[in-house]
């Protein structure tokens, strides 16, 4: 991996959670590099800290110690306001639960990050329509989440994650709530988007088939990540 291909770097990342009774260490010195255009899977037992890792790497939470650099920006040194702008411009997120807004249509859900990025409504609508077409849901654009299947909801979530053309998409158990066939279709979609658009993906998953289909497989054990 050459230096100019590294899009994300984590060095000596620790994360502890404090309770009144004790301190719980979750990340214990994670070192990780992700290259541009790579699809990497992070596997490991339930509760090992995969979700915490993705939240830290994506700037949704801050490390207790360590340095995280994305595109030459040390994200853990940013103010909350600057970090929010950076996330919206640079990162996309797909979670196990789609977190779509029930009162809005599929199209409107995909438009939301674009509106937050101060795109005009016509531009946001045009981009959202294109993304729904790319994930095969152009005919479901006016439907609200409860009118969509689980797989369709997750495809809307993928489209929303891609709204602002992120450099990296972090996906946390994206097929965890889907049946086998629907989960496989979602995995195929992520790999196709990588192939066609060179989007970098870091995917936390229990799904062995998805992990084996990625360019690289990482394993999380006892708060650290191993190739």
Protein backbone atom coordinates (compact mmCIF):
# COMPACT_ATOMS: atom_id res chain seq x y z
CA UNK A 1 0.00 0.00 0.00
CA UNK A 2 1.64 3.25 -1.11
CA UNK A 3 1.38 6.43 0.96
CA UNK A 4 -0.56 8.28 -1.73
CA UNK A 5 -3.15 5.48 -1.92
CA UNK A 6 -3.98 5.60 1.80
CA UNK A 7 -7.34 7.28 2.30
CA UNK A 8 -7.85 6.44 5.99
CA UNK A 9 -5.27 5.85 8.69
CA UNK A 10 -5.79 4.98 12.35
CA UNK A 11 -2.80 4.91 14.67
CA UNK A 12 -2.84 3.76 18.28
CA UNK A 13 -6.59 4.25 18.67
CA UNK A 14 -8.01 3.51 22.11
CA UNK A 15 -11.59 3.92 23.28
CA UNK A 16 -12.74 3.55 26.87
CA UNK A 17 -16.23 3.90 28.32
CA UNK A 18 -16.48 4.95 31.96
CA UNK A 19 -19.21 3.88 34.32
CA UNK A 20 -19.55 4.75 38.01
CA UNK A 21 -18.15 1.32 38.87
CA UNK A 22 -15.35 0.84 36.32
CA UNK A 23 -13.67 1.77 33.06
CA UNK A 24 -14.46 -0.49 30.11
CA UNK A 25 -11.76 -0.61 27.42
CA UNK A 26 -13.19 -1.44 23.98
CA UNK A 27 -10.51 -0.39 21.48
CA UNK A 28 -7.00 -1.21 22.67
CA UNK A 29 -4.56 0.27 20.23
CA UNK A 30 -6.06 -0.11 16.76
CA UNK A 31 -3.70 0.46 13.83
CA UNK A 32 -5.37 0.40 10.43
CA UNK A 33 -4.87 1.75 6.93
CA UNK A 34 -7.47 1.72 4.17
CA UNK A 35 -6.55 2.39 0.56
CA UNK A 36 -8.57 4.28 -2.01
CA UNK A 37 -11.05 2.08 -3.87
CA UNK A 38 -10.69 -0.80 -1.42
CA UNK A 39 -13.55 -2.89 -0.02
CA UNK A 40 -12.53 -4.19 3.39
CA UNK A 41 -14.55 -6.32 5.79
CA UNK A 42 -14.13 -6.26 9.56
CA UNK A 43 -15.21 -9.48 11.23
CA UNK A 44 -15.21 -10.60 14.83
CA UNK A 45 -17.40 -11.93 17.60
CA UNK A 46 -20.47 -10.04 18.77
CA UNK A 47 -19.59 -7.36 21.28
CA UNK A 48 -15.93 -7.20 20.28
CA UNK A 49 -16.23 -3.52 19.31
CA UNK A 50 -16.82 -3.44 15.54
CA UNK A 51 -19.57 -0.82 15.78
CA UNK A 52 -17.47 1.29 18.13
CA UNK A 53 -14.59 1.10 15.67
CA UNK A 54 -16.72 2.33 12.77
CA UNK A 55 -18.21 5.13 14.87
CA UNK A 56 -14.73 6.28 15.87
CA UNK A 57 -13.30 6.03 12.35
CA UNK A 58 -16.29 7.93 10.98
CA UNK A 59 -16.12 10.74 13.50
CA UNK A 60 -19.43 9.86 15.13
CA UNK A 61 -17.55 9.43 18.41
CA UNK A 62 -14.09 10.47 19.55
CA UNK A 63 -11.25 8.19 20.61
CA UNK A 64 -9.85 8.27 24.12
CA UNK A 65 -6.36 8.25 22.61
CA UNK A 66 -4.91 7.96 19.13
CA UNK A 67 -4.97 9.62 15.74
CA UNK A 68 -7.39 9.16 12.83
CA UNK A 69 -6.56 10.76 9.51
CA UNK A 70 -8.85 10.81 6.49
CA UNK A 71 -7.65 12.52 3.33
CA UNK A 72 -4.90 14.29 5.29
CA UNK A 73 -7.40 15.63 7.84
CA UNK A 74 -6.85 14.61 11.47
CA UNK A 75 -10.53 14.24 12.28
CA UNK A 76 -10.11 13.86 16.04
CA UNK A 77 -8.56 17.34 16.15
CA UNK A 78 -11.55 19.03 14.50
CA UNK A 79 -14.18 21.07 16.31
CA UNK A 80 -17.67 19.56 16.41
CA UNK A 81 -18.87 22.00 13.74
CA UNK A 82 -15.91 21.35 11.45
CA UNK A 83 -16.19 17.61 11.97
CA UNK A 84 -19.90 17.65 11.08
CA UNK A 85 -19.10 19.45 7.82
CA UNK A 86 -16.29 17.02 7.07
CA UNK A 87 -18.51 13.97 7.71
CA UNK A 88 -21.27 15.27 5.46
CA UNK A 89 -18.81 16.03 2.66
CA UNK A 90 -16.49 13.02 2.90
CA UNK A 91 -18.19 10.06 4.57
CA UNK A 92 -21.30 7.97 4.05
CA UNK A 93 -22.87 5.66 6.62
CA UNK A 94 -25.06 2.57 6.30
CA UNK A 95 -26.29 0.94 9.51
CA UNK A 96 -27.97 -2.35 10.37
CA UNK A 97 -31.16 -0.37 10.99
CA UNK A 98 -31.84 1.91 8.06
CA UNK A 99 -32.85 4.98 10.13
CA UNK A 100 -35.03 6.35 7.35
CA UNK A 101 -37.55 9.01 8.33
CA UNK A 102 -41.03 7.49 8.19
CA UNK A 103 -42.79 10.73 7.27
CA UNK A 104 -40.72 11.24 4.14
CA UNK A 105 -40.65 9.38 0.83
CA UNK A 106 -37.64 7.42 -0.37
CA UNK A 107 -36.72 10.34 -2.62
CA UNK A 108 -37.01 12.85 0.22
CA UNK A 109 -34.89 10.67 2.53
CA UNK A 110 -32.09 10.63 -0.04
CA UNK A 111 -32.44 14.39 -0.55
CA UNK A 112 -31.92 15.23 3.14
CA UNK A 113 -28.07 15.07 3.21
CA UNK A 114 -27.99 17.16 0.04
CA UNK A 115 -30.24 19.83 1.53
CA UNK A 116 -28.05 19.85 4.66
CA UNK A 117 -25.07 20.41 2.36
CA UNK A 118 -26.91 23.48 1.04
CA UNK A 119 -27.69 22.10 -2.40
CA UNK A 120 -30.70 23.69 -4.09
CA UNK A 121 -33.87 21.61 -3.98
CA UNK A 122 -33.86 21.02 -7.78
CA UNK A 123 -30.22 19.89 -7.64
CA UNK A 124 -30.91 17.70 -4.61
CA UNK A 125 -33.90 16.13 -6.30
CA UNK A 126 -31.97 15.42 -9.49
CA UNK A 127 -29.12 13.78 -7.57
CA UNK A 128 -31.52 11.73 -5.41
CA UNK A 129 -33.40 10.50 -8.47
CA UNK A 130 -30.13 9.40 -10.07
CA UNK A 131 -29.08 7.52 -6.93
CA UNK A 132 -32.41 5.73 -6.60
CA UNK A 133 -32.03 4.67 -10.22
CA UNK A 134 -28.54 3.34 -9.48
CA UNK A 135 -29.87 1.17 -6.64
CA UNK A 136 -32.85 0.02 -8.74
CA UNK A 137 -35.58 1.92 -6.90
CA UNK A 138 -36.57 4.63 -9.36
CA UNK A 139 -40.11 3.21 -9.40
CA UNK A 140 -40.36 3.37 -5.60
CA UNK A 141 -39.22 6.97 -5.14
CA UNK A 142 -42.59 8.23 -3.87
CA UNK A 143 -43.06 5.39 -1.37
CA UNK A 144 -42.49 5.91 2.33
CA UNK A 145 -40.26 3.49 4.27
CA UNK A 146 -43.14 1.45 5.69
CA UNK A 147 -44.31 0.79 2.13
CA UNK A 148 -40.94 -0.73 1.22
CA UNK A 149 -39.48 -4.16 1.94
CA UNK A 150 -36.48 -4.51 4.23
CA UNK A 151 -34.14 -4.87 1.28
CA UNK A 152 -35.63 -1.83 -0.42
CA UNK A 153 -35.25 0.21 2.76
CA UNK A 154 -31.58 -0.69 2.95
CA UNK A 155 -31.07 0.23 -0.70
CA UNK A 156 -32.57 3.64 0.04
CA UNK A 157 -30.14 3.89 2.96
CA UNK A 158 -27.27 3.09 0.58
CA UNK A 159 -28.47 5.76 -1.85
CA UNK A 160 -28.67 8.26 1.02
CA UNK A 161 -25.12 7.34 2.09
CA UNK A 162 -23.91 8.15 -1.43
CA UNK A 163 -25.80 11.45 -1.68
CA UNK A 164 -22.81 13.78 -1.31
CA UNK A 165 -20.41 11.56 -3.28
CA UNK A 166 -18.42 10.42 -0.24
CA UNK A 167 -14.88 9.18 -0.47
CA UNK A 168 -15.56 6.42 2.05
CA UNK A 169 -18.71 4.54 3.07
CA UNK A 170 -18.74 2.88 6.49
CA UNK A 171 -21.32 0.09 6.71
CA UNK A 172 -22.19 -1.52 10.05
CA UNK A 173 -23.85 -4.94 9.58
CA UNK A 174 -25.77 -3.64 6.55
CA UNK A 175 -27.43 -7.02 5.89
CA UNK A 176 -27.92 -7.97 9.53
CA UNK A 177 -31.71 -7.67 9.40
CA UNK A 178 -32.18 -9.15 5.93
CA UNK A 179 -32.87 -12.68 4.79
CA UNK A 180 -30.14 -14.58 2.95
CA UNK A 181 -31.21 -13.79 -0.61
CA UNK A 182 -31.92 -10.12 0.10
CA UNK A 183 -28.64 -9.77 1.99
CA UNK A 184 -26.75 -11.29 -0.94
CA UNK A 185 -28.39 -8.80 -3.30
CA UNK A 186 -27.34 -5.92 -1.06
CA UNK A 187 -23.77 -7.22 -0.95
CA UNK A 188 -23.73 -7.44 -4.75
CA UNK A 189 -24.95 -3.83 -4.90
CA UNK A 190 -22.12 -2.59 -2.67
CA UNK A 191 -19.50 -4.44 -4.69
CA UNK A 192 -20.98 -3.12 -7.95
CA UNK A 193 -20.90 0.45 -6.66
CA UNK A 194 -17.26 -0.06 -5.72
CA UNK A 195 -16.42 -1.45 -9.14
CA UNK A 196 -18.28 1.21 -11.10
CA UNK A 197 -17.57 4.29 -8.96
CA UNK A 198 -14.36 3.34 -7.07
CA UNK A 199 -16.06 4.03 -3.72
CA UNK A 200 -14.08 2.84 -0.72
CA UNK A 201 -16.06 0.65 1.68
CA UNK A 202 -15.29 -0.52 5.21
CA UNK A 203 -17.92 -3.05 6.23
CA UNK A 204 -18.40 -4.57 9.68
CA UNK A 205 -20.15 -7.89 9.21
CA UNK A 206 -20.85 -11.35 10.57
CA UNK A 207 -21.69 -12.52 7.05
CA UNK A 208 -18.94 -14.88 5.90
CA UNK A 209 -20.00 -14.70 2.25
CA UNK A 210 -19.79 -10.90 2.22
CA UNK A 211 -16.45 -10.93 4.04
CA UNK A 212 -15.00 -13.46 1.59
CA UNK A 213 -16.19 -11.33 -1.36
CA UNK A 214 -14.31 -8.23 -0.19
CA UNK A 215 -10.84 -7.26 -1.36
CA UNK A 216 -9.48 -7.62 2.16
CA UNK A 217 -10.62 -9.20 5.37
CA UNK A 218 -9.74 -7.81 8.78
CA UNK A 219 -10.41 -9.56 12.08
CA UNK A 220 -11.12 -7.79 15.34
CA UNK A 221 -9.94 -9.59 18.48
CA UNK A 222 -9.67 -8.20 22.00
CA UNK A 223 -9.94 -4.58 20.94
CA UNK A 224 -7.40 -4.74 18.12
CA UNK A 225 -7.59 -5.29 14.35
CA UNK A 226 -5.52 -7.86 12.46
CA UNK A 227 -5.09 -8.57 8.74
